[in-house]
Amino acid sequence: MTDAAETDWLTVPDLVEMLGQSPSRIRRLIDDRHLLAARIDGVLKVPSVFLRDDAPLPELYGTANVLADNGFTDAEALEWMLAEEDSLGTSPIAALLAGRKAEVRRVAQALA
């Protein structure tokens, strides 16, 4: 997993406590791509950078769906979001956090 060593990962129980939601609601957020998750050592985990103000980053949902529409699996989308993207000059998640949603989605769409 790209940049896994630099990423803080949250488990479903961590998210339950942080977001005040049930485990099934957290899994639904993952299934519906409001959050992207990966299995690390057999445990489903979400990068903490995908949250802002104790809620899923709103820009992540649309971007994850653009990637899915272009044939990315959720695992590939998560890896792309965390990896350095040359055309953005940073990782897509860092660009989203900096308010560059349209640019990130344009790049994601061009990957098809």
N, C-alpha and C. Protein backbone atom coordinates (compact mmCIF):
# COMPACT_ATOMS: atom_id res chain seq x y z
N MET A 1 0.85 -1.18 0.00
CA MET A 1 0.00 0.00 0.00
C MET A 1 0.89 1.23 0.00
N THR A 2 0.61 2.12 -0.86
CA THR A 2 1.42 3.34 -1.01
C THR A 2 1.34 4.22 0.24
N ASP A 3 2.46 4.71 0.67
CA ASP A 3 2.54 5.62 1.80
C ASP A 3 1.89 5.08 3.07
N ALA A 4 1.76 3.77 3.18
CA ALA A 4 1.11 3.18 4.35
C ALA A 4 1.87 3.52 5.63
N ALA A 5 3.19 3.60 5.53
CA ALA A 5 3.98 3.90 6.72
C ALA A 5 3.71 5.31 7.23
N GLU A 6 3.33 6.20 6.32
CA GLU A 6 3.11 7.60 6.70
C GLU A 6 1.65 7.90 7.04
N THR A 7 0.78 6.93 6.84
CA THR A 7 -0.65 7.14 7.01
C THR A 7 -1.11 6.59 8.35
N ASP A 8 -1.93 7.36 9.06
CA ASP A 8 -2.58 6.86 10.26
C ASP A 8 -3.84 6.15 9.82
N TRP A 9 -4.01 4.92 10.28
CA TRP A 9 -5.14 4.10 9.87
C TRP A 9 -6.11 3.93 11.04
N LEU A 10 -7.39 3.95 10.74
CA LEU A 10 -8.44 3.79 11.74
C LEU A 10 -9.23 2.52 11.44
N THR A 11 -9.49 1.73 12.47
CA THR A 11 -10.30 0.53 12.32
C THR A 11 -11.78 0.89 12.43
N VAL A 12 -12.65 -0.06 12.11
CA VAL A 12 -14.09 0.18 12.26
C VAL A 12 -14.43 0.57 13.70
N PRO A 13 -13.90 -0.15 14.72
CA PRO A 13 -14.20 0.28 16.10
C PRO A 13 -13.70 1.70 16.40
N ASP A 14 -12.55 2.10 15.84
CA ASP A 14 -12.07 3.48 16.01
C ASP A 14 -13.08 4.46 15.42
N LEU A 15 -13.59 4.14 14.23
CA LEU A 15 -14.54 5.01 13.56
C LEU A 15 -15.88 5.07 14.29
N VAL A 16 -16.30 3.93 14.86
CA VAL A 16 -17.54 3.90 15.65
C VAL A 16 -17.42 4.89 16.79
N GLU A 17 -16.30 4.84 17.49
CA GLU A 17 -16.09 5.74 18.62
C GLU A 17 -15.98 7.20 18.17
N MET A 18 -15.23 7.44 17.10
CA MET A 18 -14.98 8.79 16.64
C MET A 18 -16.24 9.46 16.06
N LEU A 19 -16.99 8.69 15.25
CA LEU A 19 -18.13 9.26 14.54
C LEU A 19 -19.45 9.08 15.27
N GLY A 20 -19.44 8.25 16.33
CA GLY A 20 -20.68 8.01 17.06
C GLY A 20 -21.72 7.26 16.25
N GLN A 21 -21.25 6.40 15.35
CA GLN A 21 -22.13 5.62 14.48
C GLN A 21 -21.99 4.13 14.82
N SER A 22 -22.96 3.34 14.40
CA SER A 22 -22.89 1.90 14.62
C SER A 22 -21.89 1.27 13.64
N PRO A 23 -21.38 0.09 13.98
CA PRO A 23 -20.47 -0.59 13.05
C PRO A 23 -21.11 -0.82 11.67
N SER A 24 -22.40 -1.14 11.65
CA SER A 24 -23.05 -1.36 10.35
C SER A 24 -23.13 -0.06 9.55
N ARG A 25 -23.32 1.07 10.22
CA ARG A 25 -23.35 2.36 9.54
C ARG A 25 -21.97 2.70 8.97
N ILE A 26 -20.92 2.39 9.72
CA ILE A 26 -19.55 2.63 9.25
C ILE A 26 -19.28 1.77 8.02
N ARG A 27 -19.69 0.50 8.07
CA ARG A 27 -19.48 -0.38 6.91
C ARG A 27 -20.29 0.11 5.71
N ARG A 28 -21.45 0.68 5.96
CA ARG A 28 -22.28 1.23 4.89
C ARG A 28 -21.58 2.44 4.24
N LEU A 29 -20.95 3.28 5.07
CA LEU A 29 -20.19 4.42 4.54
C LEU A 29 -19.06 3.93 3.62
N ILE A 30 -18.45 2.82 3.99
CA ILE A 30 -17.38 2.23 3.18
C ILE A 30 -17.98 1.62 1.91
N ASP A 31 -19.05 0.85 2.05
CA ASP A 31 -19.68 0.22 0.88
C ASP A 31 -20.17 1.26 -0.13
N ASP A 32 -20.67 2.38 0.36
CA ASP A 32 -21.21 3.42 -0.52
C ASP A 32 -20.14 4.42 -1.00
N ARG A 33 -18.88 4.17 -0.64
CA ARG A 33 -17.72 4.98 -1.04
C ARG A 33 -17.69 6.38 -0.43
N HIS A 34 -18.34 6.57 0.71
CA HIS A 34 -18.16 7.83 1.44
C HIS A 34 -16.80 7.78 2.13
N LEU A 35 -16.33 6.55 2.37
CA LEU A 35 -14.99 6.29 2.88
C LEU A 35 -14.41 5.15 2.05
N LEU A 36 -13.11 5.14 1.88
CA LEU A 36 -12.43 4.02 1.24
C LEU A 36 -11.61 3.31 2.30
N ALA A 37 -11.58 1.99 2.22
CA ALA A 37 -10.89 1.19 3.23
C ALA A 37 -10.05 0.11 2.57
N ALA A 38 -9.08 -0.36 3.31
CA ALA A 38 -8.24 -1.46 2.86
C ALA A 38 -8.09 -2.46 4.00
N ARG A 39 -7.88 -3.71 3.64
CA ARG A 39 -7.58 -4.72 4.65
C ARG A 39 -6.07 -4.72 4.86
N ILE A 40 -5.68 -4.43 6.08
CA ILE A 40 -4.27 -4.42 6.46
C ILE A 40 -4.12 -5.42 7.59
N ASP A 41 -3.29 -6.43 7.35
CA ASP A 41 -3.12 -7.52 8.31
C ASP A 41 -4.48 -8.12 8.67
N GLY A 42 -5.38 -8.22 7.69
CA GLY A 42 -6.68 -8.83 7.89
C GLY A 42 -7.73 -7.94 8.53
N VAL A 43 -7.36 -6.70 8.85
CA VAL A 43 -8.28 -5.79 9.52
C VAL A 43 -8.66 -4.66 8.57
N LEU A 44 -9.96 -4.38 8.47
CA LEU A 44 -10.45 -3.31 7.62
C LEU A 44 -10.09 -1.96 8.25
N LYS A 45 -9.37 -1.13 7.47
CA LYS A 45 -8.90 0.15 8.01
C LYS A 45 -9.12 1.27 6.99
N VAL A 46 -9.35 2.47 7.54
CA VAL A 46 -9.57 3.68 6.75
C VAL A 46 -8.47 4.68 7.09
N PRO A 47 -7.86 5.32 6.08
CA PRO A 47 -6.87 6.35 6.40
C PRO A 47 -7.54 7.53 7.13
N SER A 48 -6.92 7.98 8.20
CA SER A 48 -7.50 9.07 8.98
C SER A 48 -7.63 10.36 8.17
N VAL A 49 -6.82 10.50 7.13
CA VAL A 49 -6.85 11.71 6.29
C VAL A 49 -8.15 11.79 5.48
N PHE A 50 -8.92 10.71 5.43
CA PHE A 50 -10.20 10.71 4.72
C PHE A 50 -11.32 11.32 5.56
N LEU A 51 -10.98 11.78 6.76
CA LEU A 51 -11.96 12.40 7.66
C LEU A 51 -11.58 13.85 7.91
N ARG A 52 -12.60 14.68 8.07
CA ARG A 52 -12.39 16.07 8.47
C ARG A 52 -13.51 16.43 9.44
N ASP A 53 -13.15 17.03 10.56
CA ASP A 53 -14.14 17.42 11.58
C ASP A 53 -14.99 16.22 12.01
N ASP A 54 -14.33 15.08 12.20
CA ASP A 54 -15.00 13.85 12.65
C ASP A 54 -16.15 13.43 11.73
N ALA A 55 -15.94 13.60 10.43
CA ALA A 55 -16.92 13.14 9.43
C ALA A 55 -16.15 12.79 8.15
N PRO A 56 -16.72 11.93 7.32
CA PRO A 56 -16.05 11.64 6.05
C PRO A 56 -15.86 12.92 5.23
N LEU A 57 -14.72 13.03 4.60
CA LEU A 57 -14.42 14.17 3.74
C LEU A 57 -15.43 14.17 2.59
N PRO A 58 -16.27 15.21 2.48
CA PRO A 58 -17.32 15.21 1.46
C PRO A 58 -16.80 15.04 0.03
N GLU A 59 -15.64 15.60 -0.27
CA GLU A 59 -15.08 15.53 -1.61
C GLU A 59 -14.64 14.12 -2.01
N LEU A 60 -14.43 13.26 -1.02
CA LEU A 60 -13.96 11.91 -1.29
C LEU A 60 -15.01 11.09 -2.04
N TYR A 61 -16.27 11.23 -1.68
CA TYR A 61 -17.35 10.43 -2.26
C TYR A 61 -17.41 10.58 -3.78
N GLY A 62 -17.49 11.78 -4.27
CA GLY A 62 -17.58 12.00 -5.71
C GLY A 62 -16.33 11.55 -6.44
N THR A 63 -15.18 11.79 -5.84
CA THR A 63 -13.92 11.39 -6.46
C THR A 63 -13.83 9.86 -6.53
N ALA A 64 -14.22 9.18 -5.46
CA ALA A 64 -14.21 7.71 -5.45
C ALA A 64 -15.14 7.16 -6.51
N ASN A 65 -16.26 7.80 -6.72
CA ASN A 65 -17.21 7.34 -7.74
C ASN A 65 -16.68 7.60 -9.16
N VAL A 66 -15.99 8.71 -9.37
CA VAL A 66 -15.36 8.96 -10.68
C VAL A 66 -14.35 7.85 -10.97
N LEU A 67 -13.55 7.50 -9.97
CA LEU A 67 -12.56 6.43 -10.15
C LEU A 67 -13.25 5.10 -10.42
N ALA A 68 -14.31 4.79 -9.68
CA ALA A 68 -15.05 3.54 -9.89
C ALA A 68 -15.64 3.50 -11.30
N ASP A 69 -16.17 4.62 -11.76
CA ASP A 69 -16.73 4.68 -13.11
C ASP A 69 -15.66 4.45 -14.18
N ASN A 70 -14.41 4.73 -13.82
CA ASN A 70 -13.30 4.51 -14.74
C ASN A 70 -12.61 3.17 -14.54
N GLY A 71 -13.26 2.26 -13.80
CA GLY A 71 -12.77 0.90 -13.67
C GLY A 71 -11.87 0.61 -12.49
N PHE A 72 -11.67 1.57 -11.60
CA PHE A 72 -10.84 1.34 -10.42
C PHE A 72 -11.62 0.53 -9.38
N THR A 73 -10.96 -0.43 -8.77
CA THR A 73 -11.54 -1.07 -7.60
C THR A 73 -11.41 -0.10 -6.43
N ASP A 74 -12.12 -0.35 -5.34
CA ASP A 74 -11.99 0.52 -4.18
C ASP A 74 -10.55 0.52 -3.65
N ALA A 75 -9.89 -0.64 -3.68
CA ALA A 75 -8.50 -0.72 -3.21
C ALA A 75 -7.57 0.11 -4.11
N GLU A 76 -7.79 0.03 -5.43
CA GLU A 76 -6.97 0.83 -6.35
C GLU A 76 -7.24 2.32 -6.17
N ALA A 77 -8.50 2.67 -5.94
CA ALA A 77 -8.86 4.08 -5.72
C ALA A 77 -8.19 4.60 -4.46
N LEU A 78 -8.22 3.80 -3.40
CA LEU A 78 -7.58 4.21 -2.14
C LEU A 78 -6.09 4.42 -2.36
N GLU A 79 -5.47 3.49 -3.05
CA GLU A 79 -4.03 3.61 -3.29
C GLU A 79 -3.72 4.85 -4.12
N TRP A 80 -4.53 5.13 -5.15
CA TRP A 80 -4.31 6.32 -5.98
C TRP A 80 -4.48 7.59 -5.16
N MET A 81 -5.47 7.60 -4.27
CA MET A 81 -5.72 8.80 -3.45
C MET A 81 -4.52 9.13 -2.57
N LEU A 82 -3.81 8.11 -2.10
CA LEU A 82 -2.69 8.33 -1.18
C LEU A 82 -1.34 8.52 -1.88
N ALA A 83 -1.26 8.07 -3.13
CA ALA A 83 0.02 8.12 -3.84
C ALA A 83 0.28 9.52 -4.41
N GLU A 84 1.54 9.81 -4.61
CA GLU A 84 1.94 11.07 -5.26
C GLU A 84 1.45 11.01 -6.71
N GLU A 85 0.78 12.05 -7.15
CA GLU A 85 0.28 12.15 -8.54
C GLU A 85 1.04 13.29 -9.20
N ASP A 86 1.87 12.95 -10.20
CA ASP A 86 2.73 13.94 -10.85
C ASP A 86 1.95 15.13 -11.39
N SER A 87 0.82 14.89 -12.01
CA SER A 87 0.06 15.99 -12.62
C SER A 87 -0.53 16.94 -11.59
N LEU A 88 -0.64 16.50 -10.35
CA LEU A 88 -1.14 17.36 -9.28
C LEU A 88 0.00 17.96 -8.45
N GLY A 89 1.16 17.34 -8.51
CA GLY A 89 2.29 17.80 -7.72
C GLY A 89 2.19 17.39 -6.26
N THR A 90 1.24 16.55 -5.93
CA THR A 90 1.02 16.06 -4.57
C THR A 90 0.10 14.85 -4.67
N SER A 91 -0.28 14.30 -3.55
CA SER A 91 -1.25 13.19 -3.59
C SER A 91 -2.64 13.76 -3.84
N PRO A 92 -3.51 12.98 -4.48
CA PRO A 92 -4.88 13.46 -4.69
C PRO A 92 -5.60 13.84 -3.40
N ILE A 93 -5.38 13.10 -2.32
CA ILE A 93 -6.07 13.44 -1.07
C ILE A 93 -5.56 14.77 -0.54
N ALA A 94 -4.26 15.04 -0.67
CA ALA A 94 -3.73 16.34 -0.22
C ALA A 94 -4.31 17.47 -1.07
N ALA A 95 -4.47 17.22 -2.38
CA ALA A 95 -5.07 18.22 -3.25
C ALA A 95 -6.53 18.46 -2.88
N LEU A 96 -7.27 17.39 -2.55
CA LEU A 96 -8.67 17.57 -2.11
C LEU A 96 -8.73 18.40 -0.84
N LEU A 97 -7.84 18.10 0.09
CA LEU A 97 -7.82 18.83 1.36
C LEU A 97 -7.46 20.30 1.15
N ALA A 98 -6.75 20.59 0.05
CA ALA A 98 -6.36 21.96 -0.26
C ALA A 98 -7.43 22.68 -1.10
N GLY A 99 -8.56 22.01 -1.33
CA GLY A 99 -9.66 22.65 -2.06
C GLY A 99 -9.57 22.53 -3.57
N ARG A 100 -8.83 21.57 -4.06
CA ARG A 100 -8.63 21.41 -5.50
C ARG A 100 -9.47 20.27 -6.07
N LYS A 101 -10.73 20.18 -5.65
CA LYS A 101 -11.62 19.08 -6.02
C LYS A 101 -11.78 18.93 -7.53
N ALA A 102 -12.06 20.01 -8.23
CA ALA A 102 -12.29 19.93 -9.68
C ALA A 102 -11.05 19.41 -10.40
N GLU A 103 -9.89 19.88 -10.00
CA GLU A 103 -8.64 19.45 -10.62
C GLU A 103 -8.40 17.96 -10.38
N VAL A 104 -8.63 17.51 -9.15
CA VAL A 104 -8.44 16.09 -8.81
C VAL A 104 -9.39 15.23 -9.65
N ARG A 105 -10.63 15.65 -9.77
CA ARG A 105 -11.60 14.85 -10.53
C ARG A 105 -11.29 14.85 -12.02
N ARG A 106 -10.77 15.95 -12.54
CA ARG A 106 -10.35 15.99 -13.94
C ARG A 106 -9.24 14.97 -14.18
N VAL A 107 -8.27 14.94 -13.29
CA VAL A 107 -7.16 13.99 -13.41
C VAL A 107 -7.70 12.56 -13.29
N ALA A 108 -8.59 12.32 -12.34
CA ALA A 108 -9.17 10.98 -12.15
C ALA A 108 -9.91 10.54 -13.40
N GLN A 109 -10.65 11.45 -14.01
CA GLN A 109 -11.41 11.12 -15.21
C GLN A 109 -10.47 10.80 -16.38
N ALA A 110 -9.36 11.47 -16.45
CA ALA A 110 -8.40 11.25 -17.55
C ALA A 110 -7.69 9.91 -17.44
N LEU A 111 -7.80 9.23 -16.31
CA LEU A 111 -7.11 7.95 -16.11
C LEU A 111 -7.78 6.81 -16.84
N ALA A 112 -8.98 7.01 -17.34
CA ALA A 112 -9.74 5.94 -17.98
C ALA A 112 -9.04 5.40 -19.21
